[in-house]
Amino acid sequence: MGKYNLTEKKMRAPLYRSLLNPEMVENMYQAIMAKFIVEKKYRNPEYSAQKLADELNTNTRYISAVINLRYQDNYSQMVNEFRIKDAMYLLKDKHSQKMTMEDIALTVGFSNRQSFYAAFYKRTGITPREYRQKNMAQIETQLNDRRKRLRESRAKKKMNG
């Protein structure tokens, strides 16, 4: 007969999923989010899953399992997601207008501009520069609209007396 085993491979859920206690997963997820949201650990390019595991007194396998279960991504993708969201805020912020793309990349935790551009484009479909220009144009339009309404309101008040 055939010398190759062509039976279909069955997809199985990883064993760790059945071994994880939902309450422990939730507690670990909250601890991970605290490190990222409150402490902004993702801004440190040297911060790794190993350092996170050490700080939370666990191992990287458990960290990976919790991130995969709760975030449906791996550690690196989650870190990049936080960095990109942070960069998007800075790119829209008028106070960050003078920051270069390199400055923003380094501020949010990327080690260089190229990795920042690649991750940003992958997530948004446009470059950081295009994102900034698009948002600055929208902000300018909104400001002009407000100024126009204010002028019209003042003119109306003058006419009414």
N, C-alpha and C. Protein backbone atom coordinates (compact mmCIF):
# COMPACT_ATOMS: atom_id res chain seq x y z
N MET A 1 0.84 -1.19 0.00
CA MET A 1 0.00 0.00 0.00
C MET A 1 0.88 1.24 0.00
N GLY A 2 0.27 2.35 0.46
CA GLY A 2 1.00 3.61 0.44
C GLY A 2 2.07 3.67 1.51
N LYS A 3 3.15 4.31 1.17
CA LYS A 3 4.21 4.39 2.17
C LYS A 3 4.16 5.69 2.98
N TYR A 4 3.17 6.54 2.69
CA TYR A 4 3.03 7.78 3.44
C TYR A 4 1.76 7.74 4.29
N ASN A 5 1.86 8.26 5.47
CA ASN A 5 0.69 8.35 6.34
C ASN A 5 -0.01 9.66 6.01
N LEU A 6 -1.11 9.59 5.30
CA LEU A 6 -1.81 10.78 4.85
C LEU A 6 -3.06 11.08 5.65
N THR A 7 -3.18 10.52 6.83
CA THR A 7 -4.36 10.82 7.64
C THR A 7 -4.28 12.26 8.12
N GLU A 8 -5.44 12.87 8.22
CA GLU A 8 -5.49 14.27 8.64
C GLU A 8 -5.09 14.41 10.10
N LYS A 9 -4.34 15.46 10.37
CA LYS A 9 -3.93 15.75 11.73
C LYS A 9 -5.08 16.47 12.43
N LYS A 10 -5.46 15.99 13.60
CA LYS A 10 -6.54 16.61 14.34
C LYS A 10 -6.01 17.82 15.10
N MET A 11 -6.77 18.90 15.05
CA MET A 11 -6.38 20.09 15.80
C MET A 11 -6.80 19.90 17.26
N ARG A 12 -5.84 20.05 18.14
CA ARG A 12 -6.12 19.90 19.56
C ARG A 12 -5.79 21.20 20.27
N ALA A 13 -6.55 21.49 21.28
CA ALA A 13 -6.24 22.65 22.12
C ALA A 13 -4.99 22.30 22.92
N PRO A 14 -4.09 23.25 23.09
CA PRO A 14 -2.89 22.97 23.88
C PRO A 14 -3.26 22.49 25.28
N LEU A 15 -2.47 21.59 25.80
CA LEU A 15 -2.72 20.98 27.12
C LEU A 15 -2.80 22.03 28.22
N TYR A 16 -1.97 23.08 28.13
CA TYR A 16 -1.95 24.06 29.21
C TYR A 16 -3.32 24.70 29.43
N ARG A 17 -4.13 24.81 28.40
CA ARG A 17 -5.44 25.45 28.56
C ARG A 17 -6.32 24.70 29.53
N SER A 18 -6.24 23.39 29.51
CA SER A 18 -7.08 22.61 30.42
C SER A 18 -6.51 22.62 31.84
N LEU A 19 -5.26 22.99 32.01
CA LEU A 19 -4.63 22.99 33.31
C LEU A 19 -4.72 24.33 34.03
N LEU A 20 -5.14 25.36 33.31
CA LEU A 20 -5.17 26.69 33.89
C LEU A 20 -6.48 26.94 34.65
N ASN A 21 -6.33 27.43 35.84
CA ASN A 21 -7.47 27.80 36.67
C ASN A 21 -7.94 29.18 36.21
N PRO A 22 -9.23 29.35 35.85
CA PRO A 22 -9.73 30.63 35.35
C PRO A 22 -9.47 31.81 36.28
N GLU A 23 -9.57 31.58 37.57
CA GLU A 23 -9.32 32.66 38.53
C GLU A 23 -7.85 33.08 38.50
N MET A 24 -6.95 32.09 38.42
CA MET A 24 -5.52 32.40 38.34
C MET A 24 -5.20 33.12 37.04
N VAL A 25 -5.83 32.71 35.95
CA VAL A 25 -5.62 33.37 34.65
C VAL A 25 -6.03 34.83 34.76
N GLU A 26 -7.19 35.09 35.34
CA GLU A 26 -7.69 36.46 35.49
C GLU A 26 -6.75 37.30 36.35
N ASN A 27 -6.29 36.73 37.47
CA ASN A 27 -5.37 37.46 38.35
C ASN A 27 -4.06 37.77 37.63
N MET A 28 -3.53 36.79 36.91
CA MET A 28 -2.28 37.00 36.18
C MET A 28 -2.47 38.04 35.08
N TYR A 29 -3.59 37.97 34.38
CA TYR A 29 -3.87 38.93 33.31
C TYR A 29 -3.93 40.35 33.88
N GLN A 30 -4.59 40.50 35.02
CA GLN A 30 -4.67 41.82 35.66
C GLN A 30 -3.27 42.32 36.05
N ALA A 31 -2.44 41.43 36.54
CA ALA A 31 -1.07 41.80 36.92
C ALA A 31 -0.26 42.22 35.69
N ILE A 32 -0.44 41.49 34.60
CA ILE A 32 0.26 41.81 33.35
C ILE A 32 -0.20 43.18 32.85
N MET A 33 -1.50 43.39 32.84
CA MET A 33 -2.04 44.67 32.36
C MET A 33 -1.56 45.83 33.23
N ALA A 34 -1.44 45.60 34.53
CA ALA A 34 -0.93 46.65 35.42
C ALA A 34 0.49 47.03 35.03
N LYS A 35 1.30 46.03 34.71
CA LYS A 35 2.68 46.30 34.28
C LYS A 35 2.71 47.12 32.99
N PHE A 36 1.75 46.86 32.12
CA PHE A 36 1.74 47.54 30.83
C PHE A 36 1.00 48.87 30.86
N ILE A 37 -0.15 48.91 31.50
CA ILE A 37 -0.96 50.13 31.47
C ILE A 37 -0.47 51.14 32.50
N VAL A 38 -0.26 50.69 33.73
CA VAL A 38 0.14 51.60 34.80
C VAL A 38 1.63 51.93 34.72
N GLU A 39 2.45 50.91 34.64
CA GLU A 39 3.90 51.12 34.67
C GLU A 39 4.50 51.38 33.29
N LYS A 40 3.73 51.13 32.23
CA LYS A 40 4.18 51.34 30.85
C LYS A 40 5.51 50.64 30.54
N LYS A 41 5.61 49.39 31.00
CA LYS A 41 6.83 48.61 30.81
C LYS A 41 7.16 48.41 29.32
N TYR A 42 6.14 48.43 28.47
CA TYR A 42 6.36 48.23 27.04
C TYR A 42 7.24 49.31 26.43
N ARG A 43 7.39 50.44 27.11
CA ARG A 43 8.23 51.52 26.60
C ARG A 43 9.72 51.21 26.70
N ASN A 44 10.07 50.19 27.45
CA ASN A 44 11.46 49.77 27.59
C ASN A 44 11.76 48.70 26.54
N PRO A 45 12.61 49.01 25.54
CA PRO A 45 12.89 48.02 24.50
C PRO A 45 13.56 46.76 25.03
N GLU A 46 14.15 46.84 26.22
CA GLU A 46 14.84 45.69 26.81
C GLU A 46 13.90 44.82 27.66
N TYR A 47 12.68 45.27 27.85
CA TYR A 47 11.73 44.53 28.69
C TYR A 47 11.24 43.31 27.93
N SER A 48 11.40 42.16 28.53
CA SER A 48 11.07 40.90 27.84
C SER A 48 10.03 40.11 28.63
N ALA A 49 9.53 39.08 28.01
CA ALA A 49 8.59 38.17 28.69
C ALA A 49 9.27 37.56 29.91
N GLN A 50 10.57 37.31 29.81
CA GLN A 50 11.31 36.75 30.95
C GLN A 50 11.34 37.73 32.11
N LYS A 51 11.59 39.01 31.83
CA LYS A 51 11.62 40.02 32.91
C LYS A 51 10.23 40.16 33.53
N LEU A 52 9.20 40.14 32.69
CA LEU A 52 7.83 40.20 33.19
C LEU A 52 7.55 39.00 34.10
N ALA A 53 7.91 37.82 33.64
CA ALA A 53 7.71 36.61 34.44
C ALA A 53 8.44 36.70 35.77
N ASP A 54 9.68 37.19 35.74
CA ASP A 54 10.46 37.33 36.98
C ASP A 54 9.76 38.29 37.95
N GLU A 55 9.27 39.42 37.43
CA GLU A 55 8.60 40.40 38.28
C GLU A 55 7.30 39.86 38.87
N LEU A 56 6.66 38.95 38.15
CA LEU A 56 5.39 38.38 38.62
C LEU A 56 5.57 37.02 39.30
N ASN A 57 6.82 36.65 39.52
CA ASN A 57 7.16 35.39 40.18
C ASN A 57 6.51 34.17 39.51
N THR A 58 6.67 34.10 38.21
CA THR A 58 6.14 32.98 37.46
C THR A 58 7.12 32.64 36.34
N ASN A 59 6.66 31.91 35.34
CA ASN A 59 7.55 31.58 34.22
C ASN A 59 6.97 32.09 32.90
N THR A 60 7.79 32.11 31.89
CA THR A 60 7.36 32.66 30.59
C THR A 60 6.27 31.82 29.94
N ARG A 61 6.26 30.54 30.21
CA ARG A 61 5.22 29.68 29.63
C ARG A 61 3.84 30.08 30.13
N TYR A 62 3.77 30.37 31.42
CA TYR A 62 2.50 30.78 32.02
C TYR A 62 2.10 32.16 31.49
N ILE A 63 3.07 33.06 31.41
CA ILE A 63 2.81 34.40 30.85
C ILE A 63 2.26 34.26 29.43
N SER A 64 2.91 33.46 28.62
CA SER A 64 2.48 33.24 27.24
C SER A 64 1.08 32.65 27.17
N ALA A 65 0.82 31.70 28.03
CA ALA A 65 -0.50 31.05 28.03
C ALA A 65 -1.60 32.05 28.38
N VAL A 66 -1.35 32.86 29.40
CA VAL A 66 -2.35 33.84 29.83
C VAL A 66 -2.56 34.89 28.74
N ILE A 67 -1.48 35.38 28.14
CA ILE A 67 -1.61 36.38 27.07
C ILE A 67 -2.36 35.78 25.89
N ASN A 68 -2.03 34.54 25.55
CA ASN A 68 -2.70 33.89 24.44
C ASN A 68 -4.19 33.70 24.71
N LEU A 69 -4.52 33.27 25.91
CA LEU A 69 -5.93 33.05 26.27
C LEU A 69 -6.72 34.34 26.33
N ARG A 70 -6.17 35.35 26.96
CA ARG A 70 -6.93 36.59 27.20
C ARG A 70 -6.77 37.63 26.11
N TYR A 71 -5.63 37.65 25.44
CA TYR A 71 -5.35 38.70 24.45
C TYR A 71 -5.39 38.16 23.02
N GLN A 72 -5.46 36.85 22.88
CA GLN A 72 -5.45 36.16 21.59
C GLN A 72 -4.25 36.58 20.72
N ASP A 73 -3.13 36.78 21.36
CA ASP A 73 -1.90 37.14 20.68
C ASP A 73 -0.71 36.62 21.47
N ASN A 74 0.49 36.78 20.90
CA ASN A 74 1.68 36.41 21.66
C ASN A 74 2.25 37.66 22.34
N TYR A 75 3.25 37.46 23.16
CA TYR A 75 3.83 38.56 23.94
C TYR A 75 4.30 39.71 23.04
N SER A 76 5.06 39.40 22.01
CA SER A 76 5.61 40.45 21.14
C SER A 76 4.52 41.25 20.45
N GLN A 77 3.50 40.57 19.98
CA GLN A 77 2.40 41.27 19.31
C GLN A 77 1.64 42.16 20.29
N MET A 78 1.48 41.69 21.51
CA MET A 78 0.80 42.49 22.52
C MET A 78 1.62 43.75 22.84
N VAL A 79 2.92 43.58 23.01
CA VAL A 79 3.80 44.71 23.29
C VAL A 79 3.71 45.73 22.15
N ASN A 80 3.78 45.26 20.92
CA ASN A 80 3.70 46.17 19.78
C ASN A 80 2.36 46.88 19.70
N GLU A 81 1.30 46.19 20.08
CA GLU A 81 -0.03 46.80 20.09
C GLU A 81 -0.06 48.00 21.06
N PHE A 82 0.50 47.81 22.26
CA PHE A 82 0.57 48.91 23.23
C PHE A 82 1.42 50.05 22.69
N ARG A 83 2.55 49.72 22.08
CA ARG A 83 3.44 50.74 21.54
C ARG A 83 2.78 51.54 20.42
N ILE A 84 2.09 50.85 19.54
CA ILE A 84 1.43 51.52 18.41
C ILE A 84 0.33 52.45 18.91
N LYS A 85 -0.48 51.97 19.86
CA LYS A 85 -1.54 52.82 20.42
C LYS A 85 -0.95 54.07 21.08
N ASP A 86 0.15 53.90 21.79
CA ASP A 86 0.83 55.02 22.41
C ASP A 86 1.34 55.99 21.34
N ALA A 87 1.93 55.44 20.30
CA ALA A 87 2.44 56.27 19.19
C ALA A 87 1.31 57.02 18.51
N MET A 88 0.17 56.35 18.31
CA MET A 88 -0.97 57.01 17.67
C MET A 88 -1.42 58.22 18.48
N TYR A 89 -1.42 58.08 19.79
CA TYR A 89 -1.76 59.21 20.66
C TYR A 89 -0.76 60.35 20.47
N LEU A 90 0.53 60.02 20.50
CA LEU A 90 1.57 61.05 20.35
C LEU A 90 1.51 61.72 18.99
N LEU A 91 1.21 60.95 17.95
CA LEU A 91 1.15 61.50 16.60
C LEU A 91 -0.02 62.46 16.43
N LYS A 92 -1.07 62.30 17.22
CA LYS A 92 -2.23 63.19 17.16
C LYS A 92 -2.09 64.39 18.09
N ASP A 93 -1.25 64.26 19.10
CA ASP A 93 -1.14 65.28 20.14
C ASP A 93 -0.37 66.50 19.64
N LYS A 94 -0.99 67.65 19.81
CA LYS A 94 -0.37 68.91 19.36
C LYS A 94 0.94 69.18 20.10
N HIS A 95 1.04 68.75 21.34
CA HIS A 95 2.25 68.98 22.14
C HIS A 95 3.43 68.13 21.66
N SER A 96 3.14 67.07 20.91
CA SER A 96 4.19 66.19 20.40
C SER A 96 4.55 66.51 18.96
N GLN A 97 4.01 67.60 18.46
CA GLN A 97 4.18 67.96 17.05
C GLN A 97 5.64 68.10 16.64
N LYS A 98 6.46 68.58 17.53
CA LYS A 98 7.87 68.81 17.20
C LYS A 98 8.72 67.53 17.29
N MET A 99 8.14 66.46 17.84
CA MET A 99 8.89 65.21 17.96
C MET A 99 9.08 64.58 16.57
N THR A 100 10.29 64.08 16.32
CA THR A 100 10.54 63.39 15.06
C THR A 100 9.98 61.97 15.18
N MET A 101 9.92 61.28 14.05
CA MET A 101 9.45 59.89 14.07
C MET A 101 10.40 59.02 14.91
N GLU A 102 11.70 59.32 14.84
CA GLU A 102 12.67 58.58 15.66
C GLU A 102 12.39 58.80 17.14
N ASP A 103 12.09 60.06 17.51
CA ASP A 103 11.79 60.38 18.91
C ASP A 103 10.57 59.60 19.39
N ILE A 104 9.54 59.58 18.56
CA ILE A 104 8.31 58.87 18.93
C ILE A 104 8.58 57.37 19.04
N ALA A 105 9.31 56.84 18.06
CA ALA A 105 9.64 55.41 18.08
C ALA A 105 10.37 55.04 19.38
N LEU A 106 11.36 55.82 19.75
CA LEU A 106 12.13 55.54 20.97
C LEU A 106 11.29 55.74 22.22
N THR A 107 10.44 56.76 22.23
CA THR A 107 9.59 57.05 23.39
C THR A 107 8.65 55.90 23.70
N VAL A 108 8.07 55.30 22.66
CA VAL A 108 7.09 54.24 22.88
C VAL A 108 7.73 52.86 23.02
N GLY A 109 9.04 52.75 22.83
CA GLY A 109 9.73 51.49 23.12
C GLY A 109 10.33 50.74 21.95
N PHE A 110 10.22 51.29 20.75
CA PHE A 110 10.88 50.62 19.62
C PHE A 110 12.36 50.98 19.65
N SER A 111 13.20 50.04 19.24
CA SER A 111 14.63 50.31 19.30
C SER A 111 15.14 51.08 18.08
N ASN A 112 14.31 51.14 17.02
CA ASN A 112 14.71 51.94 15.87
C ASN A 112 13.48 52.34 15.03
N ARG A 113 13.69 53.29 14.16
CA ARG A 113 12.61 53.83 13.33
C ARG A 113 12.04 52.78 12.38
N GLN A 114 12.91 51.93 11.85
CA GLN A 114 12.47 50.93 10.88
C GLN A 114 11.48 49.94 11.48
N SER A 115 11.78 49.44 12.68
CA SER A 115 10.85 48.50 13.31
C SER A 115 9.55 49.20 13.68
N PHE A 116 9.64 50.47 14.06
CA PHE A 116 8.45 51.27 14.35
C PHE A 116 7.57 51.39 13.11
N TYR A 117 8.17 51.79 12.00
CA TYR A 117 7.42 51.95 10.75
C TYR A 117 6.77 50.63 10.32
N ALA A 118 7.52 49.55 10.40
CA ALA A 118 7.01 48.25 9.98
C ALA A 118 5.82 47.83 10.84
N ALA A 119 5.95 47.94 12.15
CA ALA A 119 4.87 47.54 13.06
C ALA A 119 3.66 48.46 12.91
N PHE A 120 3.91 49.75 12.76
CA PHE A 120 2.82 50.72 12.61
C PHE A 120 2.04 50.46 11.32
N TYR A 121 2.76 50.25 10.23
CA TYR A 121 2.12 49.99 8.94
C TYR A 121 1.32 48.69 8.97
N LYS A 122 1.90 47.68 9.59
CA LYS A 122 1.21 46.38 9.69
C LYS A 122 -0.11 46.53 10.44
N ARG A 123 -0.12 47.34 11.48
CA ARG A 123 -1.32 47.52 12.32
C ARG A 123 -2.35 48.45 11.69
N THR A 124 -1.90 49.53 11.02
CA THR A 124 -2.83 50.57 10.56
C THR A 124 -3.01 50.63 9.05
N GLY A 125 -2.05 50.11 8.31
CA GLY A 125 -2.14 50.19 6.85
C GLY A 125 -1.59 51.49 6.28
N ILE A 126 -1.11 52.37 7.14
CA ILE A 126 -0.47 53.62 6.69
C ILE A 126 0.78 53.85 7.53
N THR A 127 1.66 54.72 7.04
CA THR A 127 2.88 55.01 7.79
C THR A 127 2.58 55.99 8.93
N PRO A 128 3.45 56.05 9.92
CA PRO A 128 3.23 57.02 11.00
C PRO A 128 3.14 58.46 10.49
N ARG A 129 3.96 58.78 9.50
CA ARG A 129 3.95 60.14 8.93
C ARG A 129 2.60 60.44 8.28
N GLU A 130 2.08 59.48 7.52
CA GLU A 130 0.76 59.66 6.90
C GLU A 130 -0.32 59.81 7.96
N TYR A 131 -0.22 59.02 9.03
CA TYR A 131 -1.19 59.08 10.12
C TYR A 131 -1.16 60.48 10.75
N ARG A 132 0.02 60.99 11.01
CA ARG A 132 0.15 62.33 11.62
C ARG A 132 -0.44 63.38 10.70
N GLN A 133 -0.08 63.34 9.42
CA GLN A 133 -0.58 64.34 8.47
C GLN A 133 -2.10 64.30 8.37
N LYS A 134 -2.64 63.10 8.29
CA LYS A 134 -4.10 62.94 8.18
C LYS A 134 -4.79 63.52 9.41
N ASN A 135 -4.27 63.22 10.58
CA ASN A 135 -4.89 63.70 11.81
C ASN A 135 -4.69 65.19 12.03
N MET A 136 -3.56 65.72 11.63
CA MET A 136 -3.34 67.16 11.75
C MET A 136 -4.30 67.92 10.83
N ALA A 137 -4.54 67.38 9.65
CA ALA A 137 -5.48 68.01 8.71
C ALA A 137 -6.89 68.00 9.32
N GLN A 138 -7.27 66.89 9.95
CA GLN A 138 -8.59 66.81 10.60
C GLN A 138 -8.71 67.81 11.73
N ILE A 139 -7.67 67.92 12.54
CA ILE A 139 -7.67 68.86 13.66
C ILE A 139 -7.78 70.29 13.15
N GLU A 140 -7.03 70.60 12.10
CA GLU A 140 -7.08 71.94 11.50
C GLU A 140 -8.49 72.26 10.99
N THR A 141 -9.13 71.29 10.35
CA THR A 141 -10.49 71.47 9.85
C THR A 141 -11.45 71.71 11.01
N GLN A 142 -11.31 70.94 12.08
CA GLN A 142 -12.17 71.12 13.25
C GLN A 142 -11.98 72.50 13.88
N LEU A 143 -10.73 72.94 13.97
CA LEU A 143 -10.46 74.27 14.52
C LEU A 143 -11.09 75.37 13.65
N ASN A 144 -10.94 75.22 12.36
CA ASN A 144 -11.52 76.21 11.44
C ASN A 144 -13.04 76.23 11.56
N ASP A 145 -13.66 75.06 11.70
CA ASP A 145 -15.11 74.98 11.88
C ASP A 145 -15.54 75.67 13.16
N ARG A 146 -14.81 75.45 14.25
CA ARG A 146 -15.13 76.10 15.52
C ARG A 146 -14.99 77.61 15.42
N ARG A 147 -13.92 78.06 14.78
CA ARG A 147 -13.71 79.51 14.60
C ARG A 147 -14.86 80.12 13.80
N LYS A 148 -15.28 79.43 12.75
CA LYS A 148 -16.37 79.92 11.90
C LYS A 148 -17.67 80.02 12.71
N ARG A 149 -17.98 78.96 13.49
CA ARG A 149 -19.20 78.99 14.31
C ARG A 149 -19.15 80.10 15.35
N LEU A 150 -17.98 80.33 15.92
CA LEU A 150 -17.81 81.38 16.91
C LEU A 150 -18.04 82.75 16.27
N ARG A 151 -17.44 82.96 15.08
CA ARG A 151 -17.65 84.23 14.37
C ARG A 151 -19.13 84.44 14.06
N GLU A 152 -19.79 83.38 13.59
CA GLU A 152 -21.22 83.47 13.25
C GLU A 152 -22.05 83.77 14.49
N SER A 153 -21.70 83.15 15.61
CA SER A 153 -22.41 83.38 16.85
C SER A 153 -22.23 84.82 17.31
N ARG A 154 -21.03 85.35 17.21
CA ARG A 154 -20.77 86.76 17.61
C ARG A 154 -21.51 87.72 16.70
N ALA A 155 -21.53 87.42 15.40
CA ALA A 155 -22.22 88.28 14.45
C ALA A 155 -23.72 88.28 14.74
N LYS A 156 -24.26 87.13 15.08
CA LYS A 156 -25.69 87.01 15.40
C LYS A 156 -26.02 87.83 16.65
N LYS A 157 -25.15 87.75 17.66
CA LYS A 157 -25.37 88.51 18.90
C LYS A 157 -25.34 90.01 18.63
N LYS A 158 -24.43 90.43 17.77
CA LYS A 158 -24.32 91.85 17.42
C LYS A 158 -25.60 92.34 16.76
N MET A 159 -26.12 91.51 15.84
CA MET A 159 -27.34 91.89 15.10
C MET A 159 -28.54 91.94 16.02
N ASN A 160 -28.59 91.04 17.01
CA ASN A 160 -29.73 90.98 17.92
C ASN A 160 -29.61 91.96 19.08
N GLY A 161 -28.46 92.53 19.17
CA GLY A 161 -28.38 93.51 20.08
C GLY A 161 -27.83 93.88 21.27
